[in-house]
Every structure is written in structure tokens, then in C-alpha cells.
């Protein structure tokens, strides 16, 4: 595979991966986002480490810019997932506080005296 075919493959794979992920982004879980980022990082590293010259990369500039435009949408979903997680943690903390209010707050070795006759 020559250098241009290699660049072409990286650009195609990166674009396909990104567009596929963005298409299912509304249903994406935190694990999906994590897997996407790991996969994408491999392709980005391949792009960065590729020995192509600036001139050889020029034809891919627009497609790379298009791919980067999806970052805002992906970051927004990450923020939604973070807020959902934070909300869940807040609910757990609130229920823990509420549960502690119902738990025994007296010493276990205390005694009650029944004065009924």
C-alpha cells in the first residue's frame, strides 16, 4: 500500500467511525462513548504518525474538518451523560441521608422501662 492509499484508508476509516457513532449518539451510553474515543484515538494517532507531507495531506483537509465538526455534538453528549451520572449520584446521596434519618439513632445498650401495671 503506498502512502496516499494509506492516508486515504485512515481518512475513510476515521470518517466512517465518526459518522456511524454520531448516527447513534442519542442512544449512546458512557461505555459507547469510551469505546468510540479509544477507537478514534487509534486512527488519529495513525494519521498523526503517518509520514505524509503537508502537500500530501491537503486533499484530506476538508474531510478532516468535517470530522472535527462532530466534536461539539459528541462533547455535548458527554456532558449530558456526566450530568445524568451526577444526578444519579445526588439521588443516591439524598436517599442515604433520608435512610439515615430513619435508622436508630440511640445506643443499642439502652433500656426502656415499662411503667404499666
PDB file of N, CA and C in Angstrom:
ATOM      1  N   UNK A   1       0.856  -1.175   0.000  1.00  0.00           N
ATOM      2  CA  UNK A   1       0.000   0.000   0.000  1.00  0.00           C
ATOM      3  C   UNK A   1       0.900   1.235   0.000  1.00  0.00           C
ATOM      4  N   UNK A   2       0.679   2.128  -0.952  1.00  0.00           N
ATOM      5  CA  UNK A   2       1.514   3.329  -0.976  1.00  0.00           C
ATOM      6  C   UNK A   2       1.007   4.348   0.044  1.00  0.00           C
ATOM      7  N   UNK A   3       1.761   5.423   0.184  1.00  0.00           N
ATOM      8  CA  UNK A   3       1.462   6.413   1.228  1.00  0.00           C
ATOM      9  C   UNK A   3       0.096   7.065   1.043  1.00  0.00           C
ATOM     10  N   UNK A   4      -0.274   7.365  -0.182  1.00  0.00           N
ATOM     11  CA  UNK A   4      -1.559   8.026  -0.424  1.00  0.00           C
ATOM     12  C   UNK A   4      -2.723   7.073  -0.152  1.00  0.00           C
ATOM     13  N   UNK A   5      -2.573   5.795  -0.515  1.00  0.00           N
ATOM     14  CA  UNK A   5      -3.623   4.821  -0.221  1.00  0.00           C
ATOM     15  C   UNK A   5      -3.777   4.663   1.286  1.00  0.00           C
ATOM     16  N   UNK A   6      -2.652   4.691   1.974  1.00  0.00           N
ATOM     17  CA  UNK A   6      -2.672   4.565   3.420  1.00  0.00           C
ATOM     18  C   UNK A   6      -3.387   5.763   4.059  1.00  0.00           C
ATOM     19  N   UNK A   7      -3.074   6.956   3.587  1.00  0.00           N
ATOM     20  CA  UNK A   7      -3.750   8.162   4.081  1.00  0.00           C
ATOM     21  C   UNK A   7      -5.236   8.087   3.773  1.00  0.00           C
ATOM     22  N   UNK A   8      -5.548   7.646   2.580  1.00  0.00           N
ATOM     23  CA  UNK A   8      -6.936   7.532   2.159  1.00  0.00           C
ATOM     24  C   UNK A   8      -7.687   6.573   3.079  1.00  0.00           C
ATOM     25  N   UNK A   9      -7.079   5.450   3.392  1.00  0.00           N
ATOM     26  CA  UNK A   9      -7.708   4.461   4.279  1.00  0.00           C
ATOM     27  C   UNK A   9      -7.941   5.048   5.661  1.00  0.00           C
ATOM     28  N   UNK A  10      -6.949   5.726   6.205  1.00  0.00           N
ATOM     29  CA  UNK A  10      -7.088   6.338   7.537  1.00  0.00           C
ATOM     30  C   UNK A  10      -8.227   7.350   7.534  1.00  0.00           C
ATOM     31  N   UNK A  11      -8.270   8.210   6.522  1.00  0.00           N
ATOM     32  CA  UNK A  11      -9.311   9.237   6.438  1.00  0.00           C
ATOM     33  C   UNK A  11     -10.696   8.595   6.308  1.00  0.00           C
ATOM     34  N   UNK A  12     -10.805   7.571   5.471  1.00  0.00           N
ATOM     35  CA  UNK A  12     -12.097   6.885   5.292  1.00  0.00           C
ATOM     36  C   UNK A  12     -12.550   6.219   6.587  1.00  0.00           C
ATOM     37  N   UNK A  13     -11.645   5.501   7.225  1.00  0.00           N
ATOM     38  CA  UNK A  13     -11.995   4.793   8.467  1.00  0.00           C
ATOM     39  C   UNK A  13     -12.381   5.765   9.573  1.00  0.00           C
ATOM     40  N   UNK A  14     -11.629   6.835   9.696  1.00  0.00           N
ATOM     41  CA  UNK A  14     -11.921   7.842  10.714  1.00  0.00           C
ATOM     42  C   UNK A  14     -13.276   8.486  10.448  1.00  0.00           C
ATOM     43  N   UNK A  15     -13.549   8.805   9.200  1.00  0.00           N
ATOM     44  CA  UNK A  15     -14.836   9.394   8.834  1.00  0.00           C
ATOM     45  C   UNK A  15     -15.991   8.443   9.074  1.00  0.00           C
ATOM     46  N   UNK A  16     -15.830   7.188   8.658  1.00  0.00           N
ATOM     47  CA  UNK A  16     -16.896   6.194   8.827  1.00  0.00           C
ATOM     48  C   UNK A  16     -17.160   5.927  10.304  1.00  0.00           C
ATOM     49  N   UNK A  17     -16.102   5.796  11.073  1.00  0.00           N
ATOM     50  CA  UNK A  17     -16.243   5.555  12.512  1.00  0.00           C
ATOM     51  C   UNK A  17     -16.999   6.706  13.172  1.00  0.00           C
ATOM     52  N   UNK A  18     -16.606   7.922  12.853  1.00  0.00           N
ATOM     53  CA  UNK A  18     -17.220   9.102  13.455  1.00  0.00           C
ATOM     54  C   UNK A  18     -18.681   9.237  13.045  1.00  0.00           C
ATOM     55  N   UNK A  19     -18.959   9.108  11.757  1.00  0.00           N
ATOM     56  CA  UNK A  19     -20.337   9.268  11.292  1.00  0.00           C
ATOM     57  C   UNK A  19     -21.244   8.166  11.830  1.00  0.00           C
ATOM     58  N   UNK A  20     -20.737   6.968  11.920  1.00  0.00           N
ATOM     59  CA  UNK A  20     -21.512   5.856  12.477  1.00  0.00           C
ATOM     60  C   UNK A  20     -21.843   6.125  13.942  1.00  0.00           C
ATOM     61  N   UNK A  21     -20.865   6.609  14.678  1.00  0.00           N
ATOM     62  CA  UNK A  21     -21.090   6.897  16.095  1.00  0.00           C
ATOM     63  C   UNK A  21     -22.073   8.046  16.270  1.00  0.00           C
ATOM     64  N   UNK A  22     -21.922   9.096  15.491  1.00  0.00           N
ATOM     65  CA  UNK A  22     -22.810  10.260  15.608  1.00  0.00           C
ATOM     66  C   UNK A  22     -24.251   9.863  15.275  1.00  0.00           C
ATOM     67  N   UNK A  23     -24.435   8.924  14.352  1.00  0.00           N
ATOM     68  CA  UNK A  23     -25.783   8.478  13.981  1.00  0.00           C
ATOM     69  C   UNK A  23     -26.496   7.815  15.157  1.00  0.00           C
ATOM     70  N   UNK A  24     -25.749   7.167  16.016  1.00  0.00           N
ATOM     71  CA  UNK A  24     -26.370   6.502  17.172  1.00  0.00           C
ATOM     72  C   UNK A  24     -26.072   7.236  18.486  1.00  0.00           C
ATOM     73  N   UNK A  25     -25.615   8.445  18.370  1.00  0.00           N
ATOM     74  CA  UNK A  25     -25.218   9.232  19.546  1.00  0.00           C
ATOM     75  C   UNK A  25     -26.336   9.442  20.570  1.00  0.00           C
ATOM     76  N   UNK A  26     -27.579   9.725  20.155  1.00  0.00           N
ATOM     77  CA  UNK A  26     -28.614   9.961  21.177  1.00  0.00           C
ATOM     78  C   UNK A  26     -28.835   8.775  22.119  1.00  0.00           C
ATOM     79  N   UNK A  27     -28.573   7.559  21.641  1.00  0.00           N
ATOM     80  CA  UNK A  27     -28.754   6.380  22.478  1.00  0.00           C
ATOM     81  C   UNK A  27     -27.441   5.910  23.101  1.00  0.00           C
ATOM     82  N   UNK A  28     -26.359   6.582  22.803  1.00  0.00           N
ATOM     83  CA  UNK A  28     -25.034   6.141  23.262  1.00  0.00           C
ATOM     84  C   UNK A  28     -24.918   6.219  24.782  1.00  0.00           C
ATOM     85  N   UNK A  29     -24.322   5.175  25.342  1.00  0.00           N
ATOM     86  CA  UNK A  29     -24.062   5.142  26.776  1.00  0.00           C
ATOM     87  C   UNK A  29     -22.637   5.651  27.018  1.00  0.00           C
ATOM     88  N   UNK A  30     -22.295   5.797  28.273  1.00  0.00           N
ATOM     89  CA  UNK A  30     -20.937   6.224  28.617  1.00  0.00           C
ATOM     90  C   UNK A  30     -19.919   5.211  28.105  1.00  0.00           C
ATOM     91  N   UNK A  31     -20.265   3.932  28.148  1.00  0.00           N
ATOM     92  CA  UNK A  31     -19.358   2.886  27.664  1.00  0.00           C
ATOM     93  C   UNK A  31     -19.176   2.989  26.152  1.00  0.00           C
ATOM     94  N   UNK A  32     -20.267   3.326  25.435  1.00  0.00           N
ATOM     95  CA  UNK A  32     -20.178   3.511  23.984  1.00  0.00           C
ATOM     96  C   UNK A  32     -19.238   4.666  23.646  1.00  0.00           C
ATOM     97  N   UNK A  33     -19.379   5.751  24.388  1.00  0.00           N
ATOM     98  CA  UNK A  33     -18.527   6.924  24.155  1.00  0.00           C
ATOM     99  C   UNK A  33     -17.070   6.561  24.423  1.00  0.00           C
ATOM    100  N   UNK A  34     -16.843   5.848  25.499  1.00  0.00           N
ATOM    101  CA  UNK A  34     -15.477   5.449  25.849  1.00  0.00           C
ATOM    102  C   UNK A  34     -14.859   4.569  24.760  1.00  0.00           C
ATOM    103  N   UNK A  35     -15.639   3.617  24.250  1.00  0.00           N
ATOM    104  CA  UNK A  35     -15.143   2.729  23.184  1.00  0.00           C
ATOM    105  C   UNK A  35     -14.866   3.521  21.904  1.00  0.00           C
ATOM    106  N   UNK A  36     -15.768   4.447  21.570  1.00  0.00           N
ATOM    107  CA  UNK A  36     -15.570   5.280  20.384  1.00  0.00           C
ATOM    108  C   UNK A  36     -14.292   6.100  20.507  1.00  0.00           C
ATOM    109  N   UNK A  37     -14.092   6.710  21.640  1.00  0.00           N
ATOM    110  CA  UNK A  37     -12.905   7.549  21.834  1.00  0.00           C
ATOM    111  C   UNK A  37     -11.634   6.726  21.713  1.00  0.00           C
ATOM    112  N   UNK A  38     -11.640   5.526  22.257  1.00  0.00           N
ATOM    113  CA  UNK A  38     -10.463   4.655  22.158  1.00  0.00           C
ATOM    114  C   UNK A  38     -10.193   4.273  20.697  1.00  0.00           C
ATOM    115  N   UNK A  39     -11.247   3.888  19.969  1.00  0.00           N
ATOM    116  CA  UNK A  39     -11.084   3.535  18.546  1.00  0.00           C
ATOM    117  C   UNK A  39     -10.613   4.732  17.737  1.00  0.00           C
ATOM    118  N   UNK A  40     -11.255   5.858  17.989  1.00  0.00           N
ATOM    119  CA  UNK A  40     -10.914   7.069  17.238  1.00  0.00           C
ATOM    120  C   UNK A  40      -9.466   7.480  17.504  1.00  0.00           C
ATOM    121  N   UNK A  41      -9.052   7.348  18.748  1.00  0.00           N
ATOM    122  CA  UNK A  41      -7.691   7.739  19.101  1.00  0.00           C
ATOM    123  C   UNK A  41      -6.658   6.946  18.301  1.00  0.00           C
ATOM    124  N   UNK A  42      -6.933   5.679  18.068  1.00  0.00           N
ATOM    125  CA  UNK A  42      -6.008   4.861  17.275  1.00  0.00           C
ATOM    126  C   UNK A  42      -5.885   5.393  15.853  1.00  0.00           C
ATOM    127  N   UNK A  43      -7.020   5.772  15.259  1.00  0.00           N
ATOM    128  CA  UNK A  43      -6.977   6.299  13.892  1.00  0.00           C
ATOM    129  C   UNK A  43      -6.321   7.685  13.849  1.00  0.00           C
ATOM    130  N   UNK A  44      -6.582   8.500  14.860  1.00  0.00           N
ATOM    131  CA  UNK A  44      -5.956   9.829  14.917  1.00  0.00           C
ATOM    132  C   UNK A  44      -4.440   9.684  15.052  1.00  0.00           C
ATOM    133  N   UNK A  45      -4.003   8.774  15.898  1.00  0.00           N
ATOM    134  CA  UNK A  45      -2.566   8.544  16.049  1.00  0.00           C
ATOM    135  C   UNK A  45      -1.950   8.045  14.749  1.00  0.00           C
ATOM    136  N   UNK A  46      -2.666   7.173  14.035  1.00  0.00           N
ATOM    137  CA  UNK A  46      -2.175   6.689  12.744  1.00  0.00           C
ATOM    138  C   UNK A  46      -2.042   7.854  11.768  1.00  0.00           C
ATOM    139  N   UNK A  47      -2.990   8.772  11.801  1.00  0.00           N
ATOM    140  CA  UNK A  47      -2.955   9.946  10.921  1.00  0.00           C
ATOM    141  C   UNK A  47      -1.760  10.840  11.269  1.00  0.00           C
ATOM    142  N   UNK A  48      -1.587  11.097  12.548  1.00  0.00           N
ATOM    143  CA  UNK A  48      -0.509  11.980  13.004  1.00  0.00           C
ATOM    144  C   UNK A  48       0.862  11.365  12.724  1.00  0.00           C
ATOM    145  N   UNK A  49       0.989  10.069  12.926  1.00  0.00           N
ATOM    146  CA  UNK A  49       2.280   9.411  12.756  1.00  0.00           C
ATOM    147  C   UNK A  49       2.598   9.057  11.305  1.00  0.00           C
ATOM    148  N   UNK A  50       1.632   9.226  10.427  1.00  0.00           N
ATOM    149  CA  UNK A  50       1.859   8.896   9.020  1.00  0.00           C
ATOM    150  C   UNK A  50       2.925   9.834   8.449  1.00  0.00           C
ATOM    151  N   UNK A  51       3.851   9.298   7.656  1.00  0.00           N
ATOM    152  CA  UNK A  51       4.959  10.119   7.151  1.00  0.00           C
ATOM    153  C   UNK A  51       4.604  11.039   5.979  1.00  0.00           C
ATOM    154  N   UNK A  52       3.342  11.252   5.700  1.00  0.00           N
ATOM    155  CA  UNK A  52       2.939  12.093   4.570  1.00  0.00           C
ATOM    156  C   UNK A  52       3.339  13.546   4.788  1.00  0.00           C
ATOM    157  N   UNK A  53       3.580  14.219   3.699  1.00  0.00           N
ATOM    158  CA  UNK A  53       3.921  15.645   3.744  1.00  0.00           C
ATOM    159  C   UNK A  53       2.648  16.470   3.863  1.00  0.00           C
ATOM    160  N   UNK A  54       2.809  17.730   4.147  1.00  0.00           N
ATOM    161  CA  UNK A  54       1.671  18.644   4.231  1.00  0.00           C
ATOM    162  C   UNK A  54       0.941  18.675   2.896  1.00  0.00           C
ATOM    163  N   UNK A  55       1.688  18.669   1.832  1.00  0.00           N
ATOM    164  CA  UNK A  55       1.095  18.695   0.487  1.00  0.00           C
ATOM    165  C   UNK A  55       0.271  17.426   0.229  1.00  0.00           C
ATOM    166  N   UNK A  56       0.753  16.289   0.697  1.00  0.00           N
ATOM    167  CA  UNK A  56       0.021  15.037   0.506  1.00  0.00           C
ATOM    168  C   UNK A  56      -1.243  14.989   1.360  1.00  0.00           C
ATOM    169  N   UNK A  57      -1.257  15.694   2.463  1.00  0.00           N
ATOM    170  CA  UNK A  57      -2.419  15.719   3.353  1.00  0.00           C
ATOM    171  C   UNK A  57      -3.480  16.726   2.905  1.00  0.00           C
ATOM    172  N   UNK A  58      -3.106  17.668   2.070  1.00  0.00           N
ATOM    173  CA  UNK A  58      -4.009  18.755   1.668  1.00  0.00           C
ATOM    174  C   UNK A  58      -5.353  18.258   1.123  1.00  0.00           C
ATOM    175  N   UNK A  59      -5.399  17.228   0.277  1.00  0.00           N
ATOM    176  CA  UNK A  59      -6.710  16.794  -0.253  1.00  0.00           C
ATOM    177  C   UNK A  59      -7.675  16.299   0.826  1.00  0.00           C
ATOM    178  N   UNK A  60      -7.168  15.981   2.002  1.00  0.00           N
ATOM    179  CA  UNK A  60      -7.997  15.443   3.078  1.00  0.00           C
ATOM    180  C   UNK A  60      -8.429  16.509   4.072  1.00  0.00           C
ATOM    181  N   UNK A  61      -8.013  17.719   3.846  1.00  0.00           N
ATOM    182  CA  UNK A  61      -8.270  18.794   4.804  1.00  0.00           C
ATOM    183  C   UNK A  61      -9.768  18.992   5.072  1.00  0.00           C
ATOM    184  N   UNK A  62     -10.559  19.070   4.027  1.00  0.00           N
ATOM    185  CA  UNK A  62     -11.998  19.296   4.212  1.00  0.00           C
ATOM    186  C   UNK A  62     -12.673  18.135   4.936  1.00  0.00           C
ATOM    187  N   UNK A  63     -12.296  16.915   4.599  1.00  0.00           N
ATOM    188  CA  UNK A  63     -12.923  15.779   5.285  1.00  0.00           C
ATOM    189  C   UNK A  63     -12.515  15.750   6.753  1.00  0.00           C
ATOM    190  N   UNK A  64     -11.294  16.114   7.058  1.00  0.00           N
ATOM    191  CA  UNK A  64     -10.860  16.154   8.460  1.00  0.00           C
ATOM    192  C   UNK A  64     -11.572  17.274   9.220  1.00  0.00           C
ATOM    193  N   UNK A  65     -11.772  18.399   8.572  1.00  0.00           N
ATOM    194  CA  UNK A  65     -12.502  19.494   9.218  1.00  0.00           C
ATOM    195  C   UNK A  65     -13.947  19.085   9.490  1.00  0.00           C
ATOM    196  N   UNK A  66     -14.550  18.359   8.541  1.00  0.00           N
ATOM    197  CA  UNK A  66     -15.919  17.878   8.723  1.00  0.00           C
ATOM    198  C   UNK A  66     -15.988  16.922   9.913  1.00  0.00           C
ATOM    199  N   UNK A  67     -15.006  16.054  10.006  1.00  0.00           N
ATOM    200  CA  UNK A  67     -14.957  15.108  11.132  1.00  0.00           C
ATOM    201  C   UNK A  67     -14.824  15.856  12.452  1.00  0.00           C
ATOM    202  N   UNK A  68     -13.982  16.875  12.468  1.00  0.00           N
ATOM    203  CA  UNK A  68     -13.771  17.647  13.701  1.00  0.00           C
ATOM    204  C   UNK A  68     -15.011  18.434  14.113  1.00  0.00           C
ATOM    205  N   UNK A  69     -15.864  18.762  13.146  1.00  0.00           N
ATOM    206  CA  UNK A  69     -17.089  19.486  13.495  1.00  0.00           C
ATOM    207  C   UNK A  69     -18.030  18.645  14.351  1.00  0.00           C
ATOM    208  N   UNK A  70     -17.922  17.340  14.254  1.00  0.00           N
ATOM    209  CA  UNK A  70     -18.748  16.459  15.079  1.00  0.00           C
ATOM    210  C   UNK A  70     -18.327  16.505  16.552  1.00  0.00           C
ATOM    211  N   UNK A  71     -17.147  16.993  16.833  1.00  0.00           N
ATOM    212  CA  UNK A  71     -16.653  17.018  18.210  1.00  0.00           C
ATOM    213  C   UNK A  71     -17.593  17.768  19.148  1.00  0.00           C
ATOM    214  N   UNK A  72     -18.174  18.868  18.675  1.00  0.00           N
ATOM    215  CA  UNK A  72     -19.086  19.638  19.547  1.00  0.00           C
ATOM    216  C   UNK A  72     -20.304  18.806  19.933  1.00  0.00           C
ATOM    217  N   UNK A  73     -20.840  18.058  18.975  1.00  0.00           N
ATOM    218  CA  UNK A  73     -22.008  17.225  19.244  1.00  0.00           C
ATOM    219  C   UNK A  73     -21.636  16.112  20.226  1.00  0.00           C
ATOM    220  N   UNK A  74     -20.479  15.518  20.004  1.00  0.00           N
ATOM    221  CA  UNK A  74     -20.011  14.428  20.865  1.00  0.00           C
ATOM    222  C   UNK A  74     -19.740  14.953  22.270  1.00  0.00           C
ATOM    223  N   UNK A  75     -19.121  16.119  22.369  1.00  0.00           N
ATOM    224  CA  UNK A  75     -18.852  16.710  23.680  1.00  0.00           C
ATOM    225  C   UNK A  75     -20.155  17.045  24.411  1.00  0.00           C
ATOM    226  N   UNK A  76     -21.162  17.488  23.660  1.00  0.00           N
ATOM    227  CA  UNK A  76     -22.458  17.794  24.278  1.00  0.00           C
ATOM    228  C   UNK A  76     -23.071  16.522  24.858  1.00  0.00           C
ATOM    229  N   UNK A  77     -22.963  15.408  24.145  1.00  0.00           N
ATOM    230  CA  UNK A  77     -23.492  14.137  24.657  1.00  0.00           C
ATOM    231  C   UNK A  77     -22.719  13.694  25.889  1.00  0.00           C
ATOM    232  N   UNK A  78     -21.409  13.883  25.864  1.00  0.00           N
ATOM    233  CA  UNK A  78     -20.594  13.552  27.037  1.00  0.00           C
ATOM    234  C   UNK A  78     -21.040  14.363  28.247  1.00  0.00           C
ATOM    235  N   UNK A  79     -21.348  15.621  28.029  1.00  0.00           N
ATOM    236  CA  UNK A  79     -21.815  16.483  29.112  1.00  0.00           C
ATOM    237  C   UNK A  79     -23.170  16.001  29.627  1.00  0.00           C
ATOM    238  N   UNK A  80     -24.074  15.587  28.721  1.00  0.00           N
ATOM    239  CA  UNK A  80     -25.369  15.039  29.138  1.00  0.00           C
ATOM    240  C   UNK A  80     -25.168  13.802  30.012  1.00  0.00           C
ATOM    241  N   UNK A  81     -24.283  12.922  29.562  1.00  0.00           N
ATOM    242  CA  UNK A  81     -24.018  11.701  30.324  1.00  0.00           C
ATOM    243  C   UNK A  81     -23.411  12.024  31.689  1.00  0.00           C
ATOM    244  N   UNK A  82     -22.547  13.023  31.731  1.00  0.00           N
ATOM    245  CA  UNK A  82     -21.945  13.428  33.003  1.00  0.00           C
ATOM    246  C   UNK A  82     -23.017  13.966  33.951  1.00  0.00           C
ATOM    247  N   UNK A  83     -23.918  14.781  33.410  1.00  0.00           N
ATOM    248  CA  UNK A  83     -24.989  15.340  34.239  1.00  0.00           C
ATOM    249  C   UNK A  83     -25.944  14.247  34.735  1.00  0.00           C
ATOM    250  N   UNK A  84     -26.234  13.269  33.855  1.00  0.00           N
ATOM    251  CA  UNK A  84     -27.074  12.146  34.281  1.00  0.00           C
ATOM    252  C   UNK A  84     -26.406  11.376  35.413  1.00  0.00           C
ATOM    253  N   UNK A  85     -25.121  11.141  35.278  1.00  0.00           N
ATOM    254  CA  UNK A  85     -24.388  10.425  36.323  1.00  0.00           C
ATOM    255  C   UNK A  85     -24.382  11.236  37.621  1.00  0.00           C
ATOM    256  N   UNK A  86     -24.162  12.531  37.510  1.00  0.00           N
ATOM    257  CA  UNK A  86     -24.157  13.399  38.691  1.00  0.00           C
ATOM    258  C   UNK A  86     -25.519  13.390  39.362  1.00  0.00           C
ATOM    259  N   UNK A  87     -26.578  13.439  38.558  1.00  0.00           N
ATOM    260  CA  UNK A  87     -27.932  13.408  39.101  1.00  0.00           C
ATOM    261  C   UNK A  87     -28.179  12.098  39.840  1.00  0.00           C
ATOM    262  N   UNK A  88     -27.730  11.004  39.251  1.00  0.00           N
ATOM    263  CA  UNK A  88     -27.876   9.700  39.904  1.00  0.00           C
ATOM    264  C   UNK A  88     -27.127   9.643  41.216  1.00  0.00           C
ATOM    265  N   UNK A  89     -25.920  10.192  41.236  1.00  0.00           N
ATOM    266  CA  UNK A  89     -25.133  10.216  42.473  1.00  0.00           C
ATOM    267  C   UNK A  89     -25.799  11.085  43.523  1.00  0.00           C
ATOM    268  N   UNK A  90     -26.394  12.197  43.098  1.00  0.00           N
ATOM    269  CA  UNK A  90     -27.101  13.070  44.041  1.00  0.00           C
ATOM    270  C   UNK A  90     -28.309  12.355  44.637  1.00  0.00           C
ATOM    271  N   UNK A  91     -29.042  11.587  43.816  1.00  0.00           N
ATOM    272  CA  UNK A  91     -30.194  10.838  44.314  1.00  0.00           C
ATOM    273  C   UNK A  91     -29.763   9.790  45.332  1.00  0.00           C
ATOM    274  N   UNK A  92     -28.660   9.108  45.049  1.00  0.00           N
ATOM    275  CA  UNK A  92     -28.153   8.102  45.982  1.00  0.00           C
ATOM    276  C   UNK A  92     -27.767   8.766  47.304  1.00  0.00           C
ATOM    277  N   UNK A  93     -27.095   9.902  47.224  1.00  0.00           N
ATOM    278  CA  UNK A  93     -26.683  10.608  48.438  1.00  0.00           C
ATOM    279  C   UNK A  93     -27.909  11.078  49.230  1.00  0.00           C
ATOM    280  N   UNK A  94     -28.921  11.581  48.526  1.00  0.00           N
ATOM    281  CA  UNK A  94     -30.131  12.050  49.207  1.00  0.00           C
ATOM    282  C   UNK A  94     -30.864  10.890  49.866  1.00  0.00           C
ATOM    283  N   UNK A  95     -30.937   9.754  49.171  1.00  0.00           N
ATOM    284  CA  UNK A  95     -31.627   8.604  49.778  1.00  0.00           C
ATOM    285  C   UNK A  95     -30.846   8.067  50.966  1.00  0.00           C
ATOM    286  N   UNK A  96     -29.542   8.147  50.909  1.00  0.00           N
ATOM    287  CA  UNK A  96     -28.707   7.707  52.026  1.00  0.00           C
ATOM    288  C   UNK A  96     -28.959   8.596  53.245  1.00  0.00           C
ATOM    289  N   UNK A  97     -29.059   9.893  53.021  1.00  0.00           N
ATOM    290  CA  UNK A  97     -29.333  10.833  54.115  1.00  0.00           C
ATOM    291  C   UNK A  97     -30.716  10.555  54.700  1.00  0.00           C
ATOM    292  N   UNK A  98     -31.684  10.328  53.800  1.00  0.00           N
ATOM    293  CA  UNK A  98     -33.045  10.049  54.248  1.00  0.00           C
ATOM    294  C   UNK A  98     -33.097   8.737  55.033  1.00  0.00           C
ATOM    295  N   UNK A  99     -32.416   7.728  54.561  1.00  0.00           N
ATOM    296  CA  UNK A  99     -32.395   6.430  55.240  1.00  0.00           C
ATOM    297  C   UNK A  99     -31.747   6.568  56.616  1.00  0.00           C
ATOM    298  N   UNK A 100     -30.687   7.337  56.708  1.00  0.00           N
ATOM    299  CA  UNK A 100     -30.013   7.530  57.996  1.00  0.00           C
ATOM    300  C   UNK A 100     -30.941   8.196  59.000  1.00  0.00           C
ATOM    301  N   UNK A 101     -31.860   9.005  58.532  1.00  0.00           N
ATOM    302  CA  UNK A 101     -32.815   9.655  59.419  1.00  0.00           C
ATOM    303  C   UNK A 101     -33.773   8.660  60.045  1.00  0.00           C
ATOM    304  N   UNK A 102     -34.043   7.567  59.353  1.00  0.00           N
ATOM    305  CA  UNK A 102     -34.963   6.545  59.874  1.00  0.00           C
ATOM    306  C   UNK A 102     -34.257   5.465  60.681  1.00  0.00           C
ATOM    307  N   UNK A 103     -32.980   5.392  60.577  1.00  0.00           N
ATOM    308  CA  UNK A 103     -32.245   4.372  61.323  1.00  0.00           C
ATOM    309  C   UNK A 103     -32.180   4.747  62.796  1.00  0.00           C
ATOM    310  N   UNK A 104     -31.914   3.764  63.594  1.00  0.00           N
ATOM    311  CA  UNK A 104     -31.856   4.002  65.032  1.00  0.00           C
ATOM    312  C   UNK A 104     -30.736   4.992  65.351  1.00  0.00           C
ATOM    313  N   UNK A 105     -31.104   5.984  66.113  1.00  0.00           N
ATOM    314  CA  UNK A 105     -30.099   6.966  66.492  1.00  0.00           C
ATOM    315  C   UNK A 105     -29.815   6.903  67.992  1.00  0.00           C
ATOM    316  N   UNK A 106     -30.200   5.830  68.618  1.00  0.00           N
ATOM    317  CA  UNK A 106     -29.934   5.671  70.045  1.00  0.00           C
ATOM    318  C   UNK A 106     -28.977   4.515  70.239  1.00  0.00           C
ATOM    319  N   UNK A 107     -28.416   4.460  71.422  1.00  0.00           N
ATOM    320  CA  UNK A 107     -27.445   3.413  71.719  1.00  0.00           C
ATOM    321  C   UNK A 107     -28.160   2.075  71.850  1.00  0.00           C
ATOM    322  N   UNK A 108     -27.551   1.046  71.368  1.00  0.00           N
ATOM    323  CA  UNK A 108     -28.148  -0.291  71.387  1.00  0.00           C
ATOM    324  C   UNK A 108     -28.251  -0.858  72.807  1.00  0.00           C
ATOM    325  N   UNK A 109     -27.428  -0.405  73.723  1.00  0.00           N
ATOM    326  CA  UNK A 109     -27.461  -0.968  75.070  1.00  0.00           C
ATOM    327  C   UNK A 109     -28.346  -0.157  76.018  1.00  0.00           C
ATOM    328  N   UNK A 110     -29.131   0.744  75.482  1.00  0.00           N
ATOM    329  CA  UNK A 110     -30.033   1.486  76.346  1.00  0.00           C
ATOM    330  C   UNK A 110     -31.259   0.615  76.654  1.00  0.00           C
ATOM    331  N   UNK A 111     -31.949   0.940  77.730  1.00  0.00           N
ATOM    332  CA  UNK A 111     -33.096   0.138  78.169  1.00  0.00           C
ATOM    333  C   UNK A 111     -34.316   1.021  78.308  1.00  0.00           C
ATOM    334  N   UNK A 112     -35.470   0.439  78.011  1.00  0.00           N
ATOM    335  CA  UNK A 112     -36.723   1.134  78.196  1.00  0.00           C
ATOM    336  C   UNK A 112     -37.442   0.507  79.388  1.00  0.00           C
ATOM    337  N   UNK A 113     -38.089   1.324  80.170  1.00  0.00           N
ATOM    338  CA  UNK A 113     -38.809   0.823  81.335  1.00  0.00           C
ATOM    339  C   UNK A 113     -40.296   0.985  81.069  1.00  0.00           C
ATOM    340  N   UNK A 114     -41.004  -0.105  81.207  1.00  0.00           N
ATOM    341  CA  UNK A 114     -42.445  -0.096  81.005  1.00  0.00           C
ATOM    342  C   UNK A 114     -43.092   0.145  82.366  1.00  0.00           C
ATOM    343  N   UNK A 115     -43.754   1.261  82.556  1.00  0.00           N
ATOM    344  CA  UNK A 115     -44.341   1.600  83.840  1.00  0.00           C
ATOM    345  C   UNK A 115     -45.798   1.152  83.948  1.00  0.00           C
ATOM    346  N   UNK A 116     -46.296   0.423  82.987  1.00  0.00           N
ATOM    347  CA  UNK A 116     -47.687  -0.038  83.073  1.00  0.00           C
ATOM    348  C   UNK A 116     -47.820  -1.133  84.131  1.00  0.00           C
ATOM    349  N   UNK A 117     -48.943  -1.148  84.741  1.00  0.00           N
ATOM    350  CA  UNK A 117     -49.180  -2.173  85.777  1.00  0.00           C
ATOM    351  C   UNK A 117     -50.184  -3.156  85.340  1.00  0.00           C
TER     352      UNK A 117
END
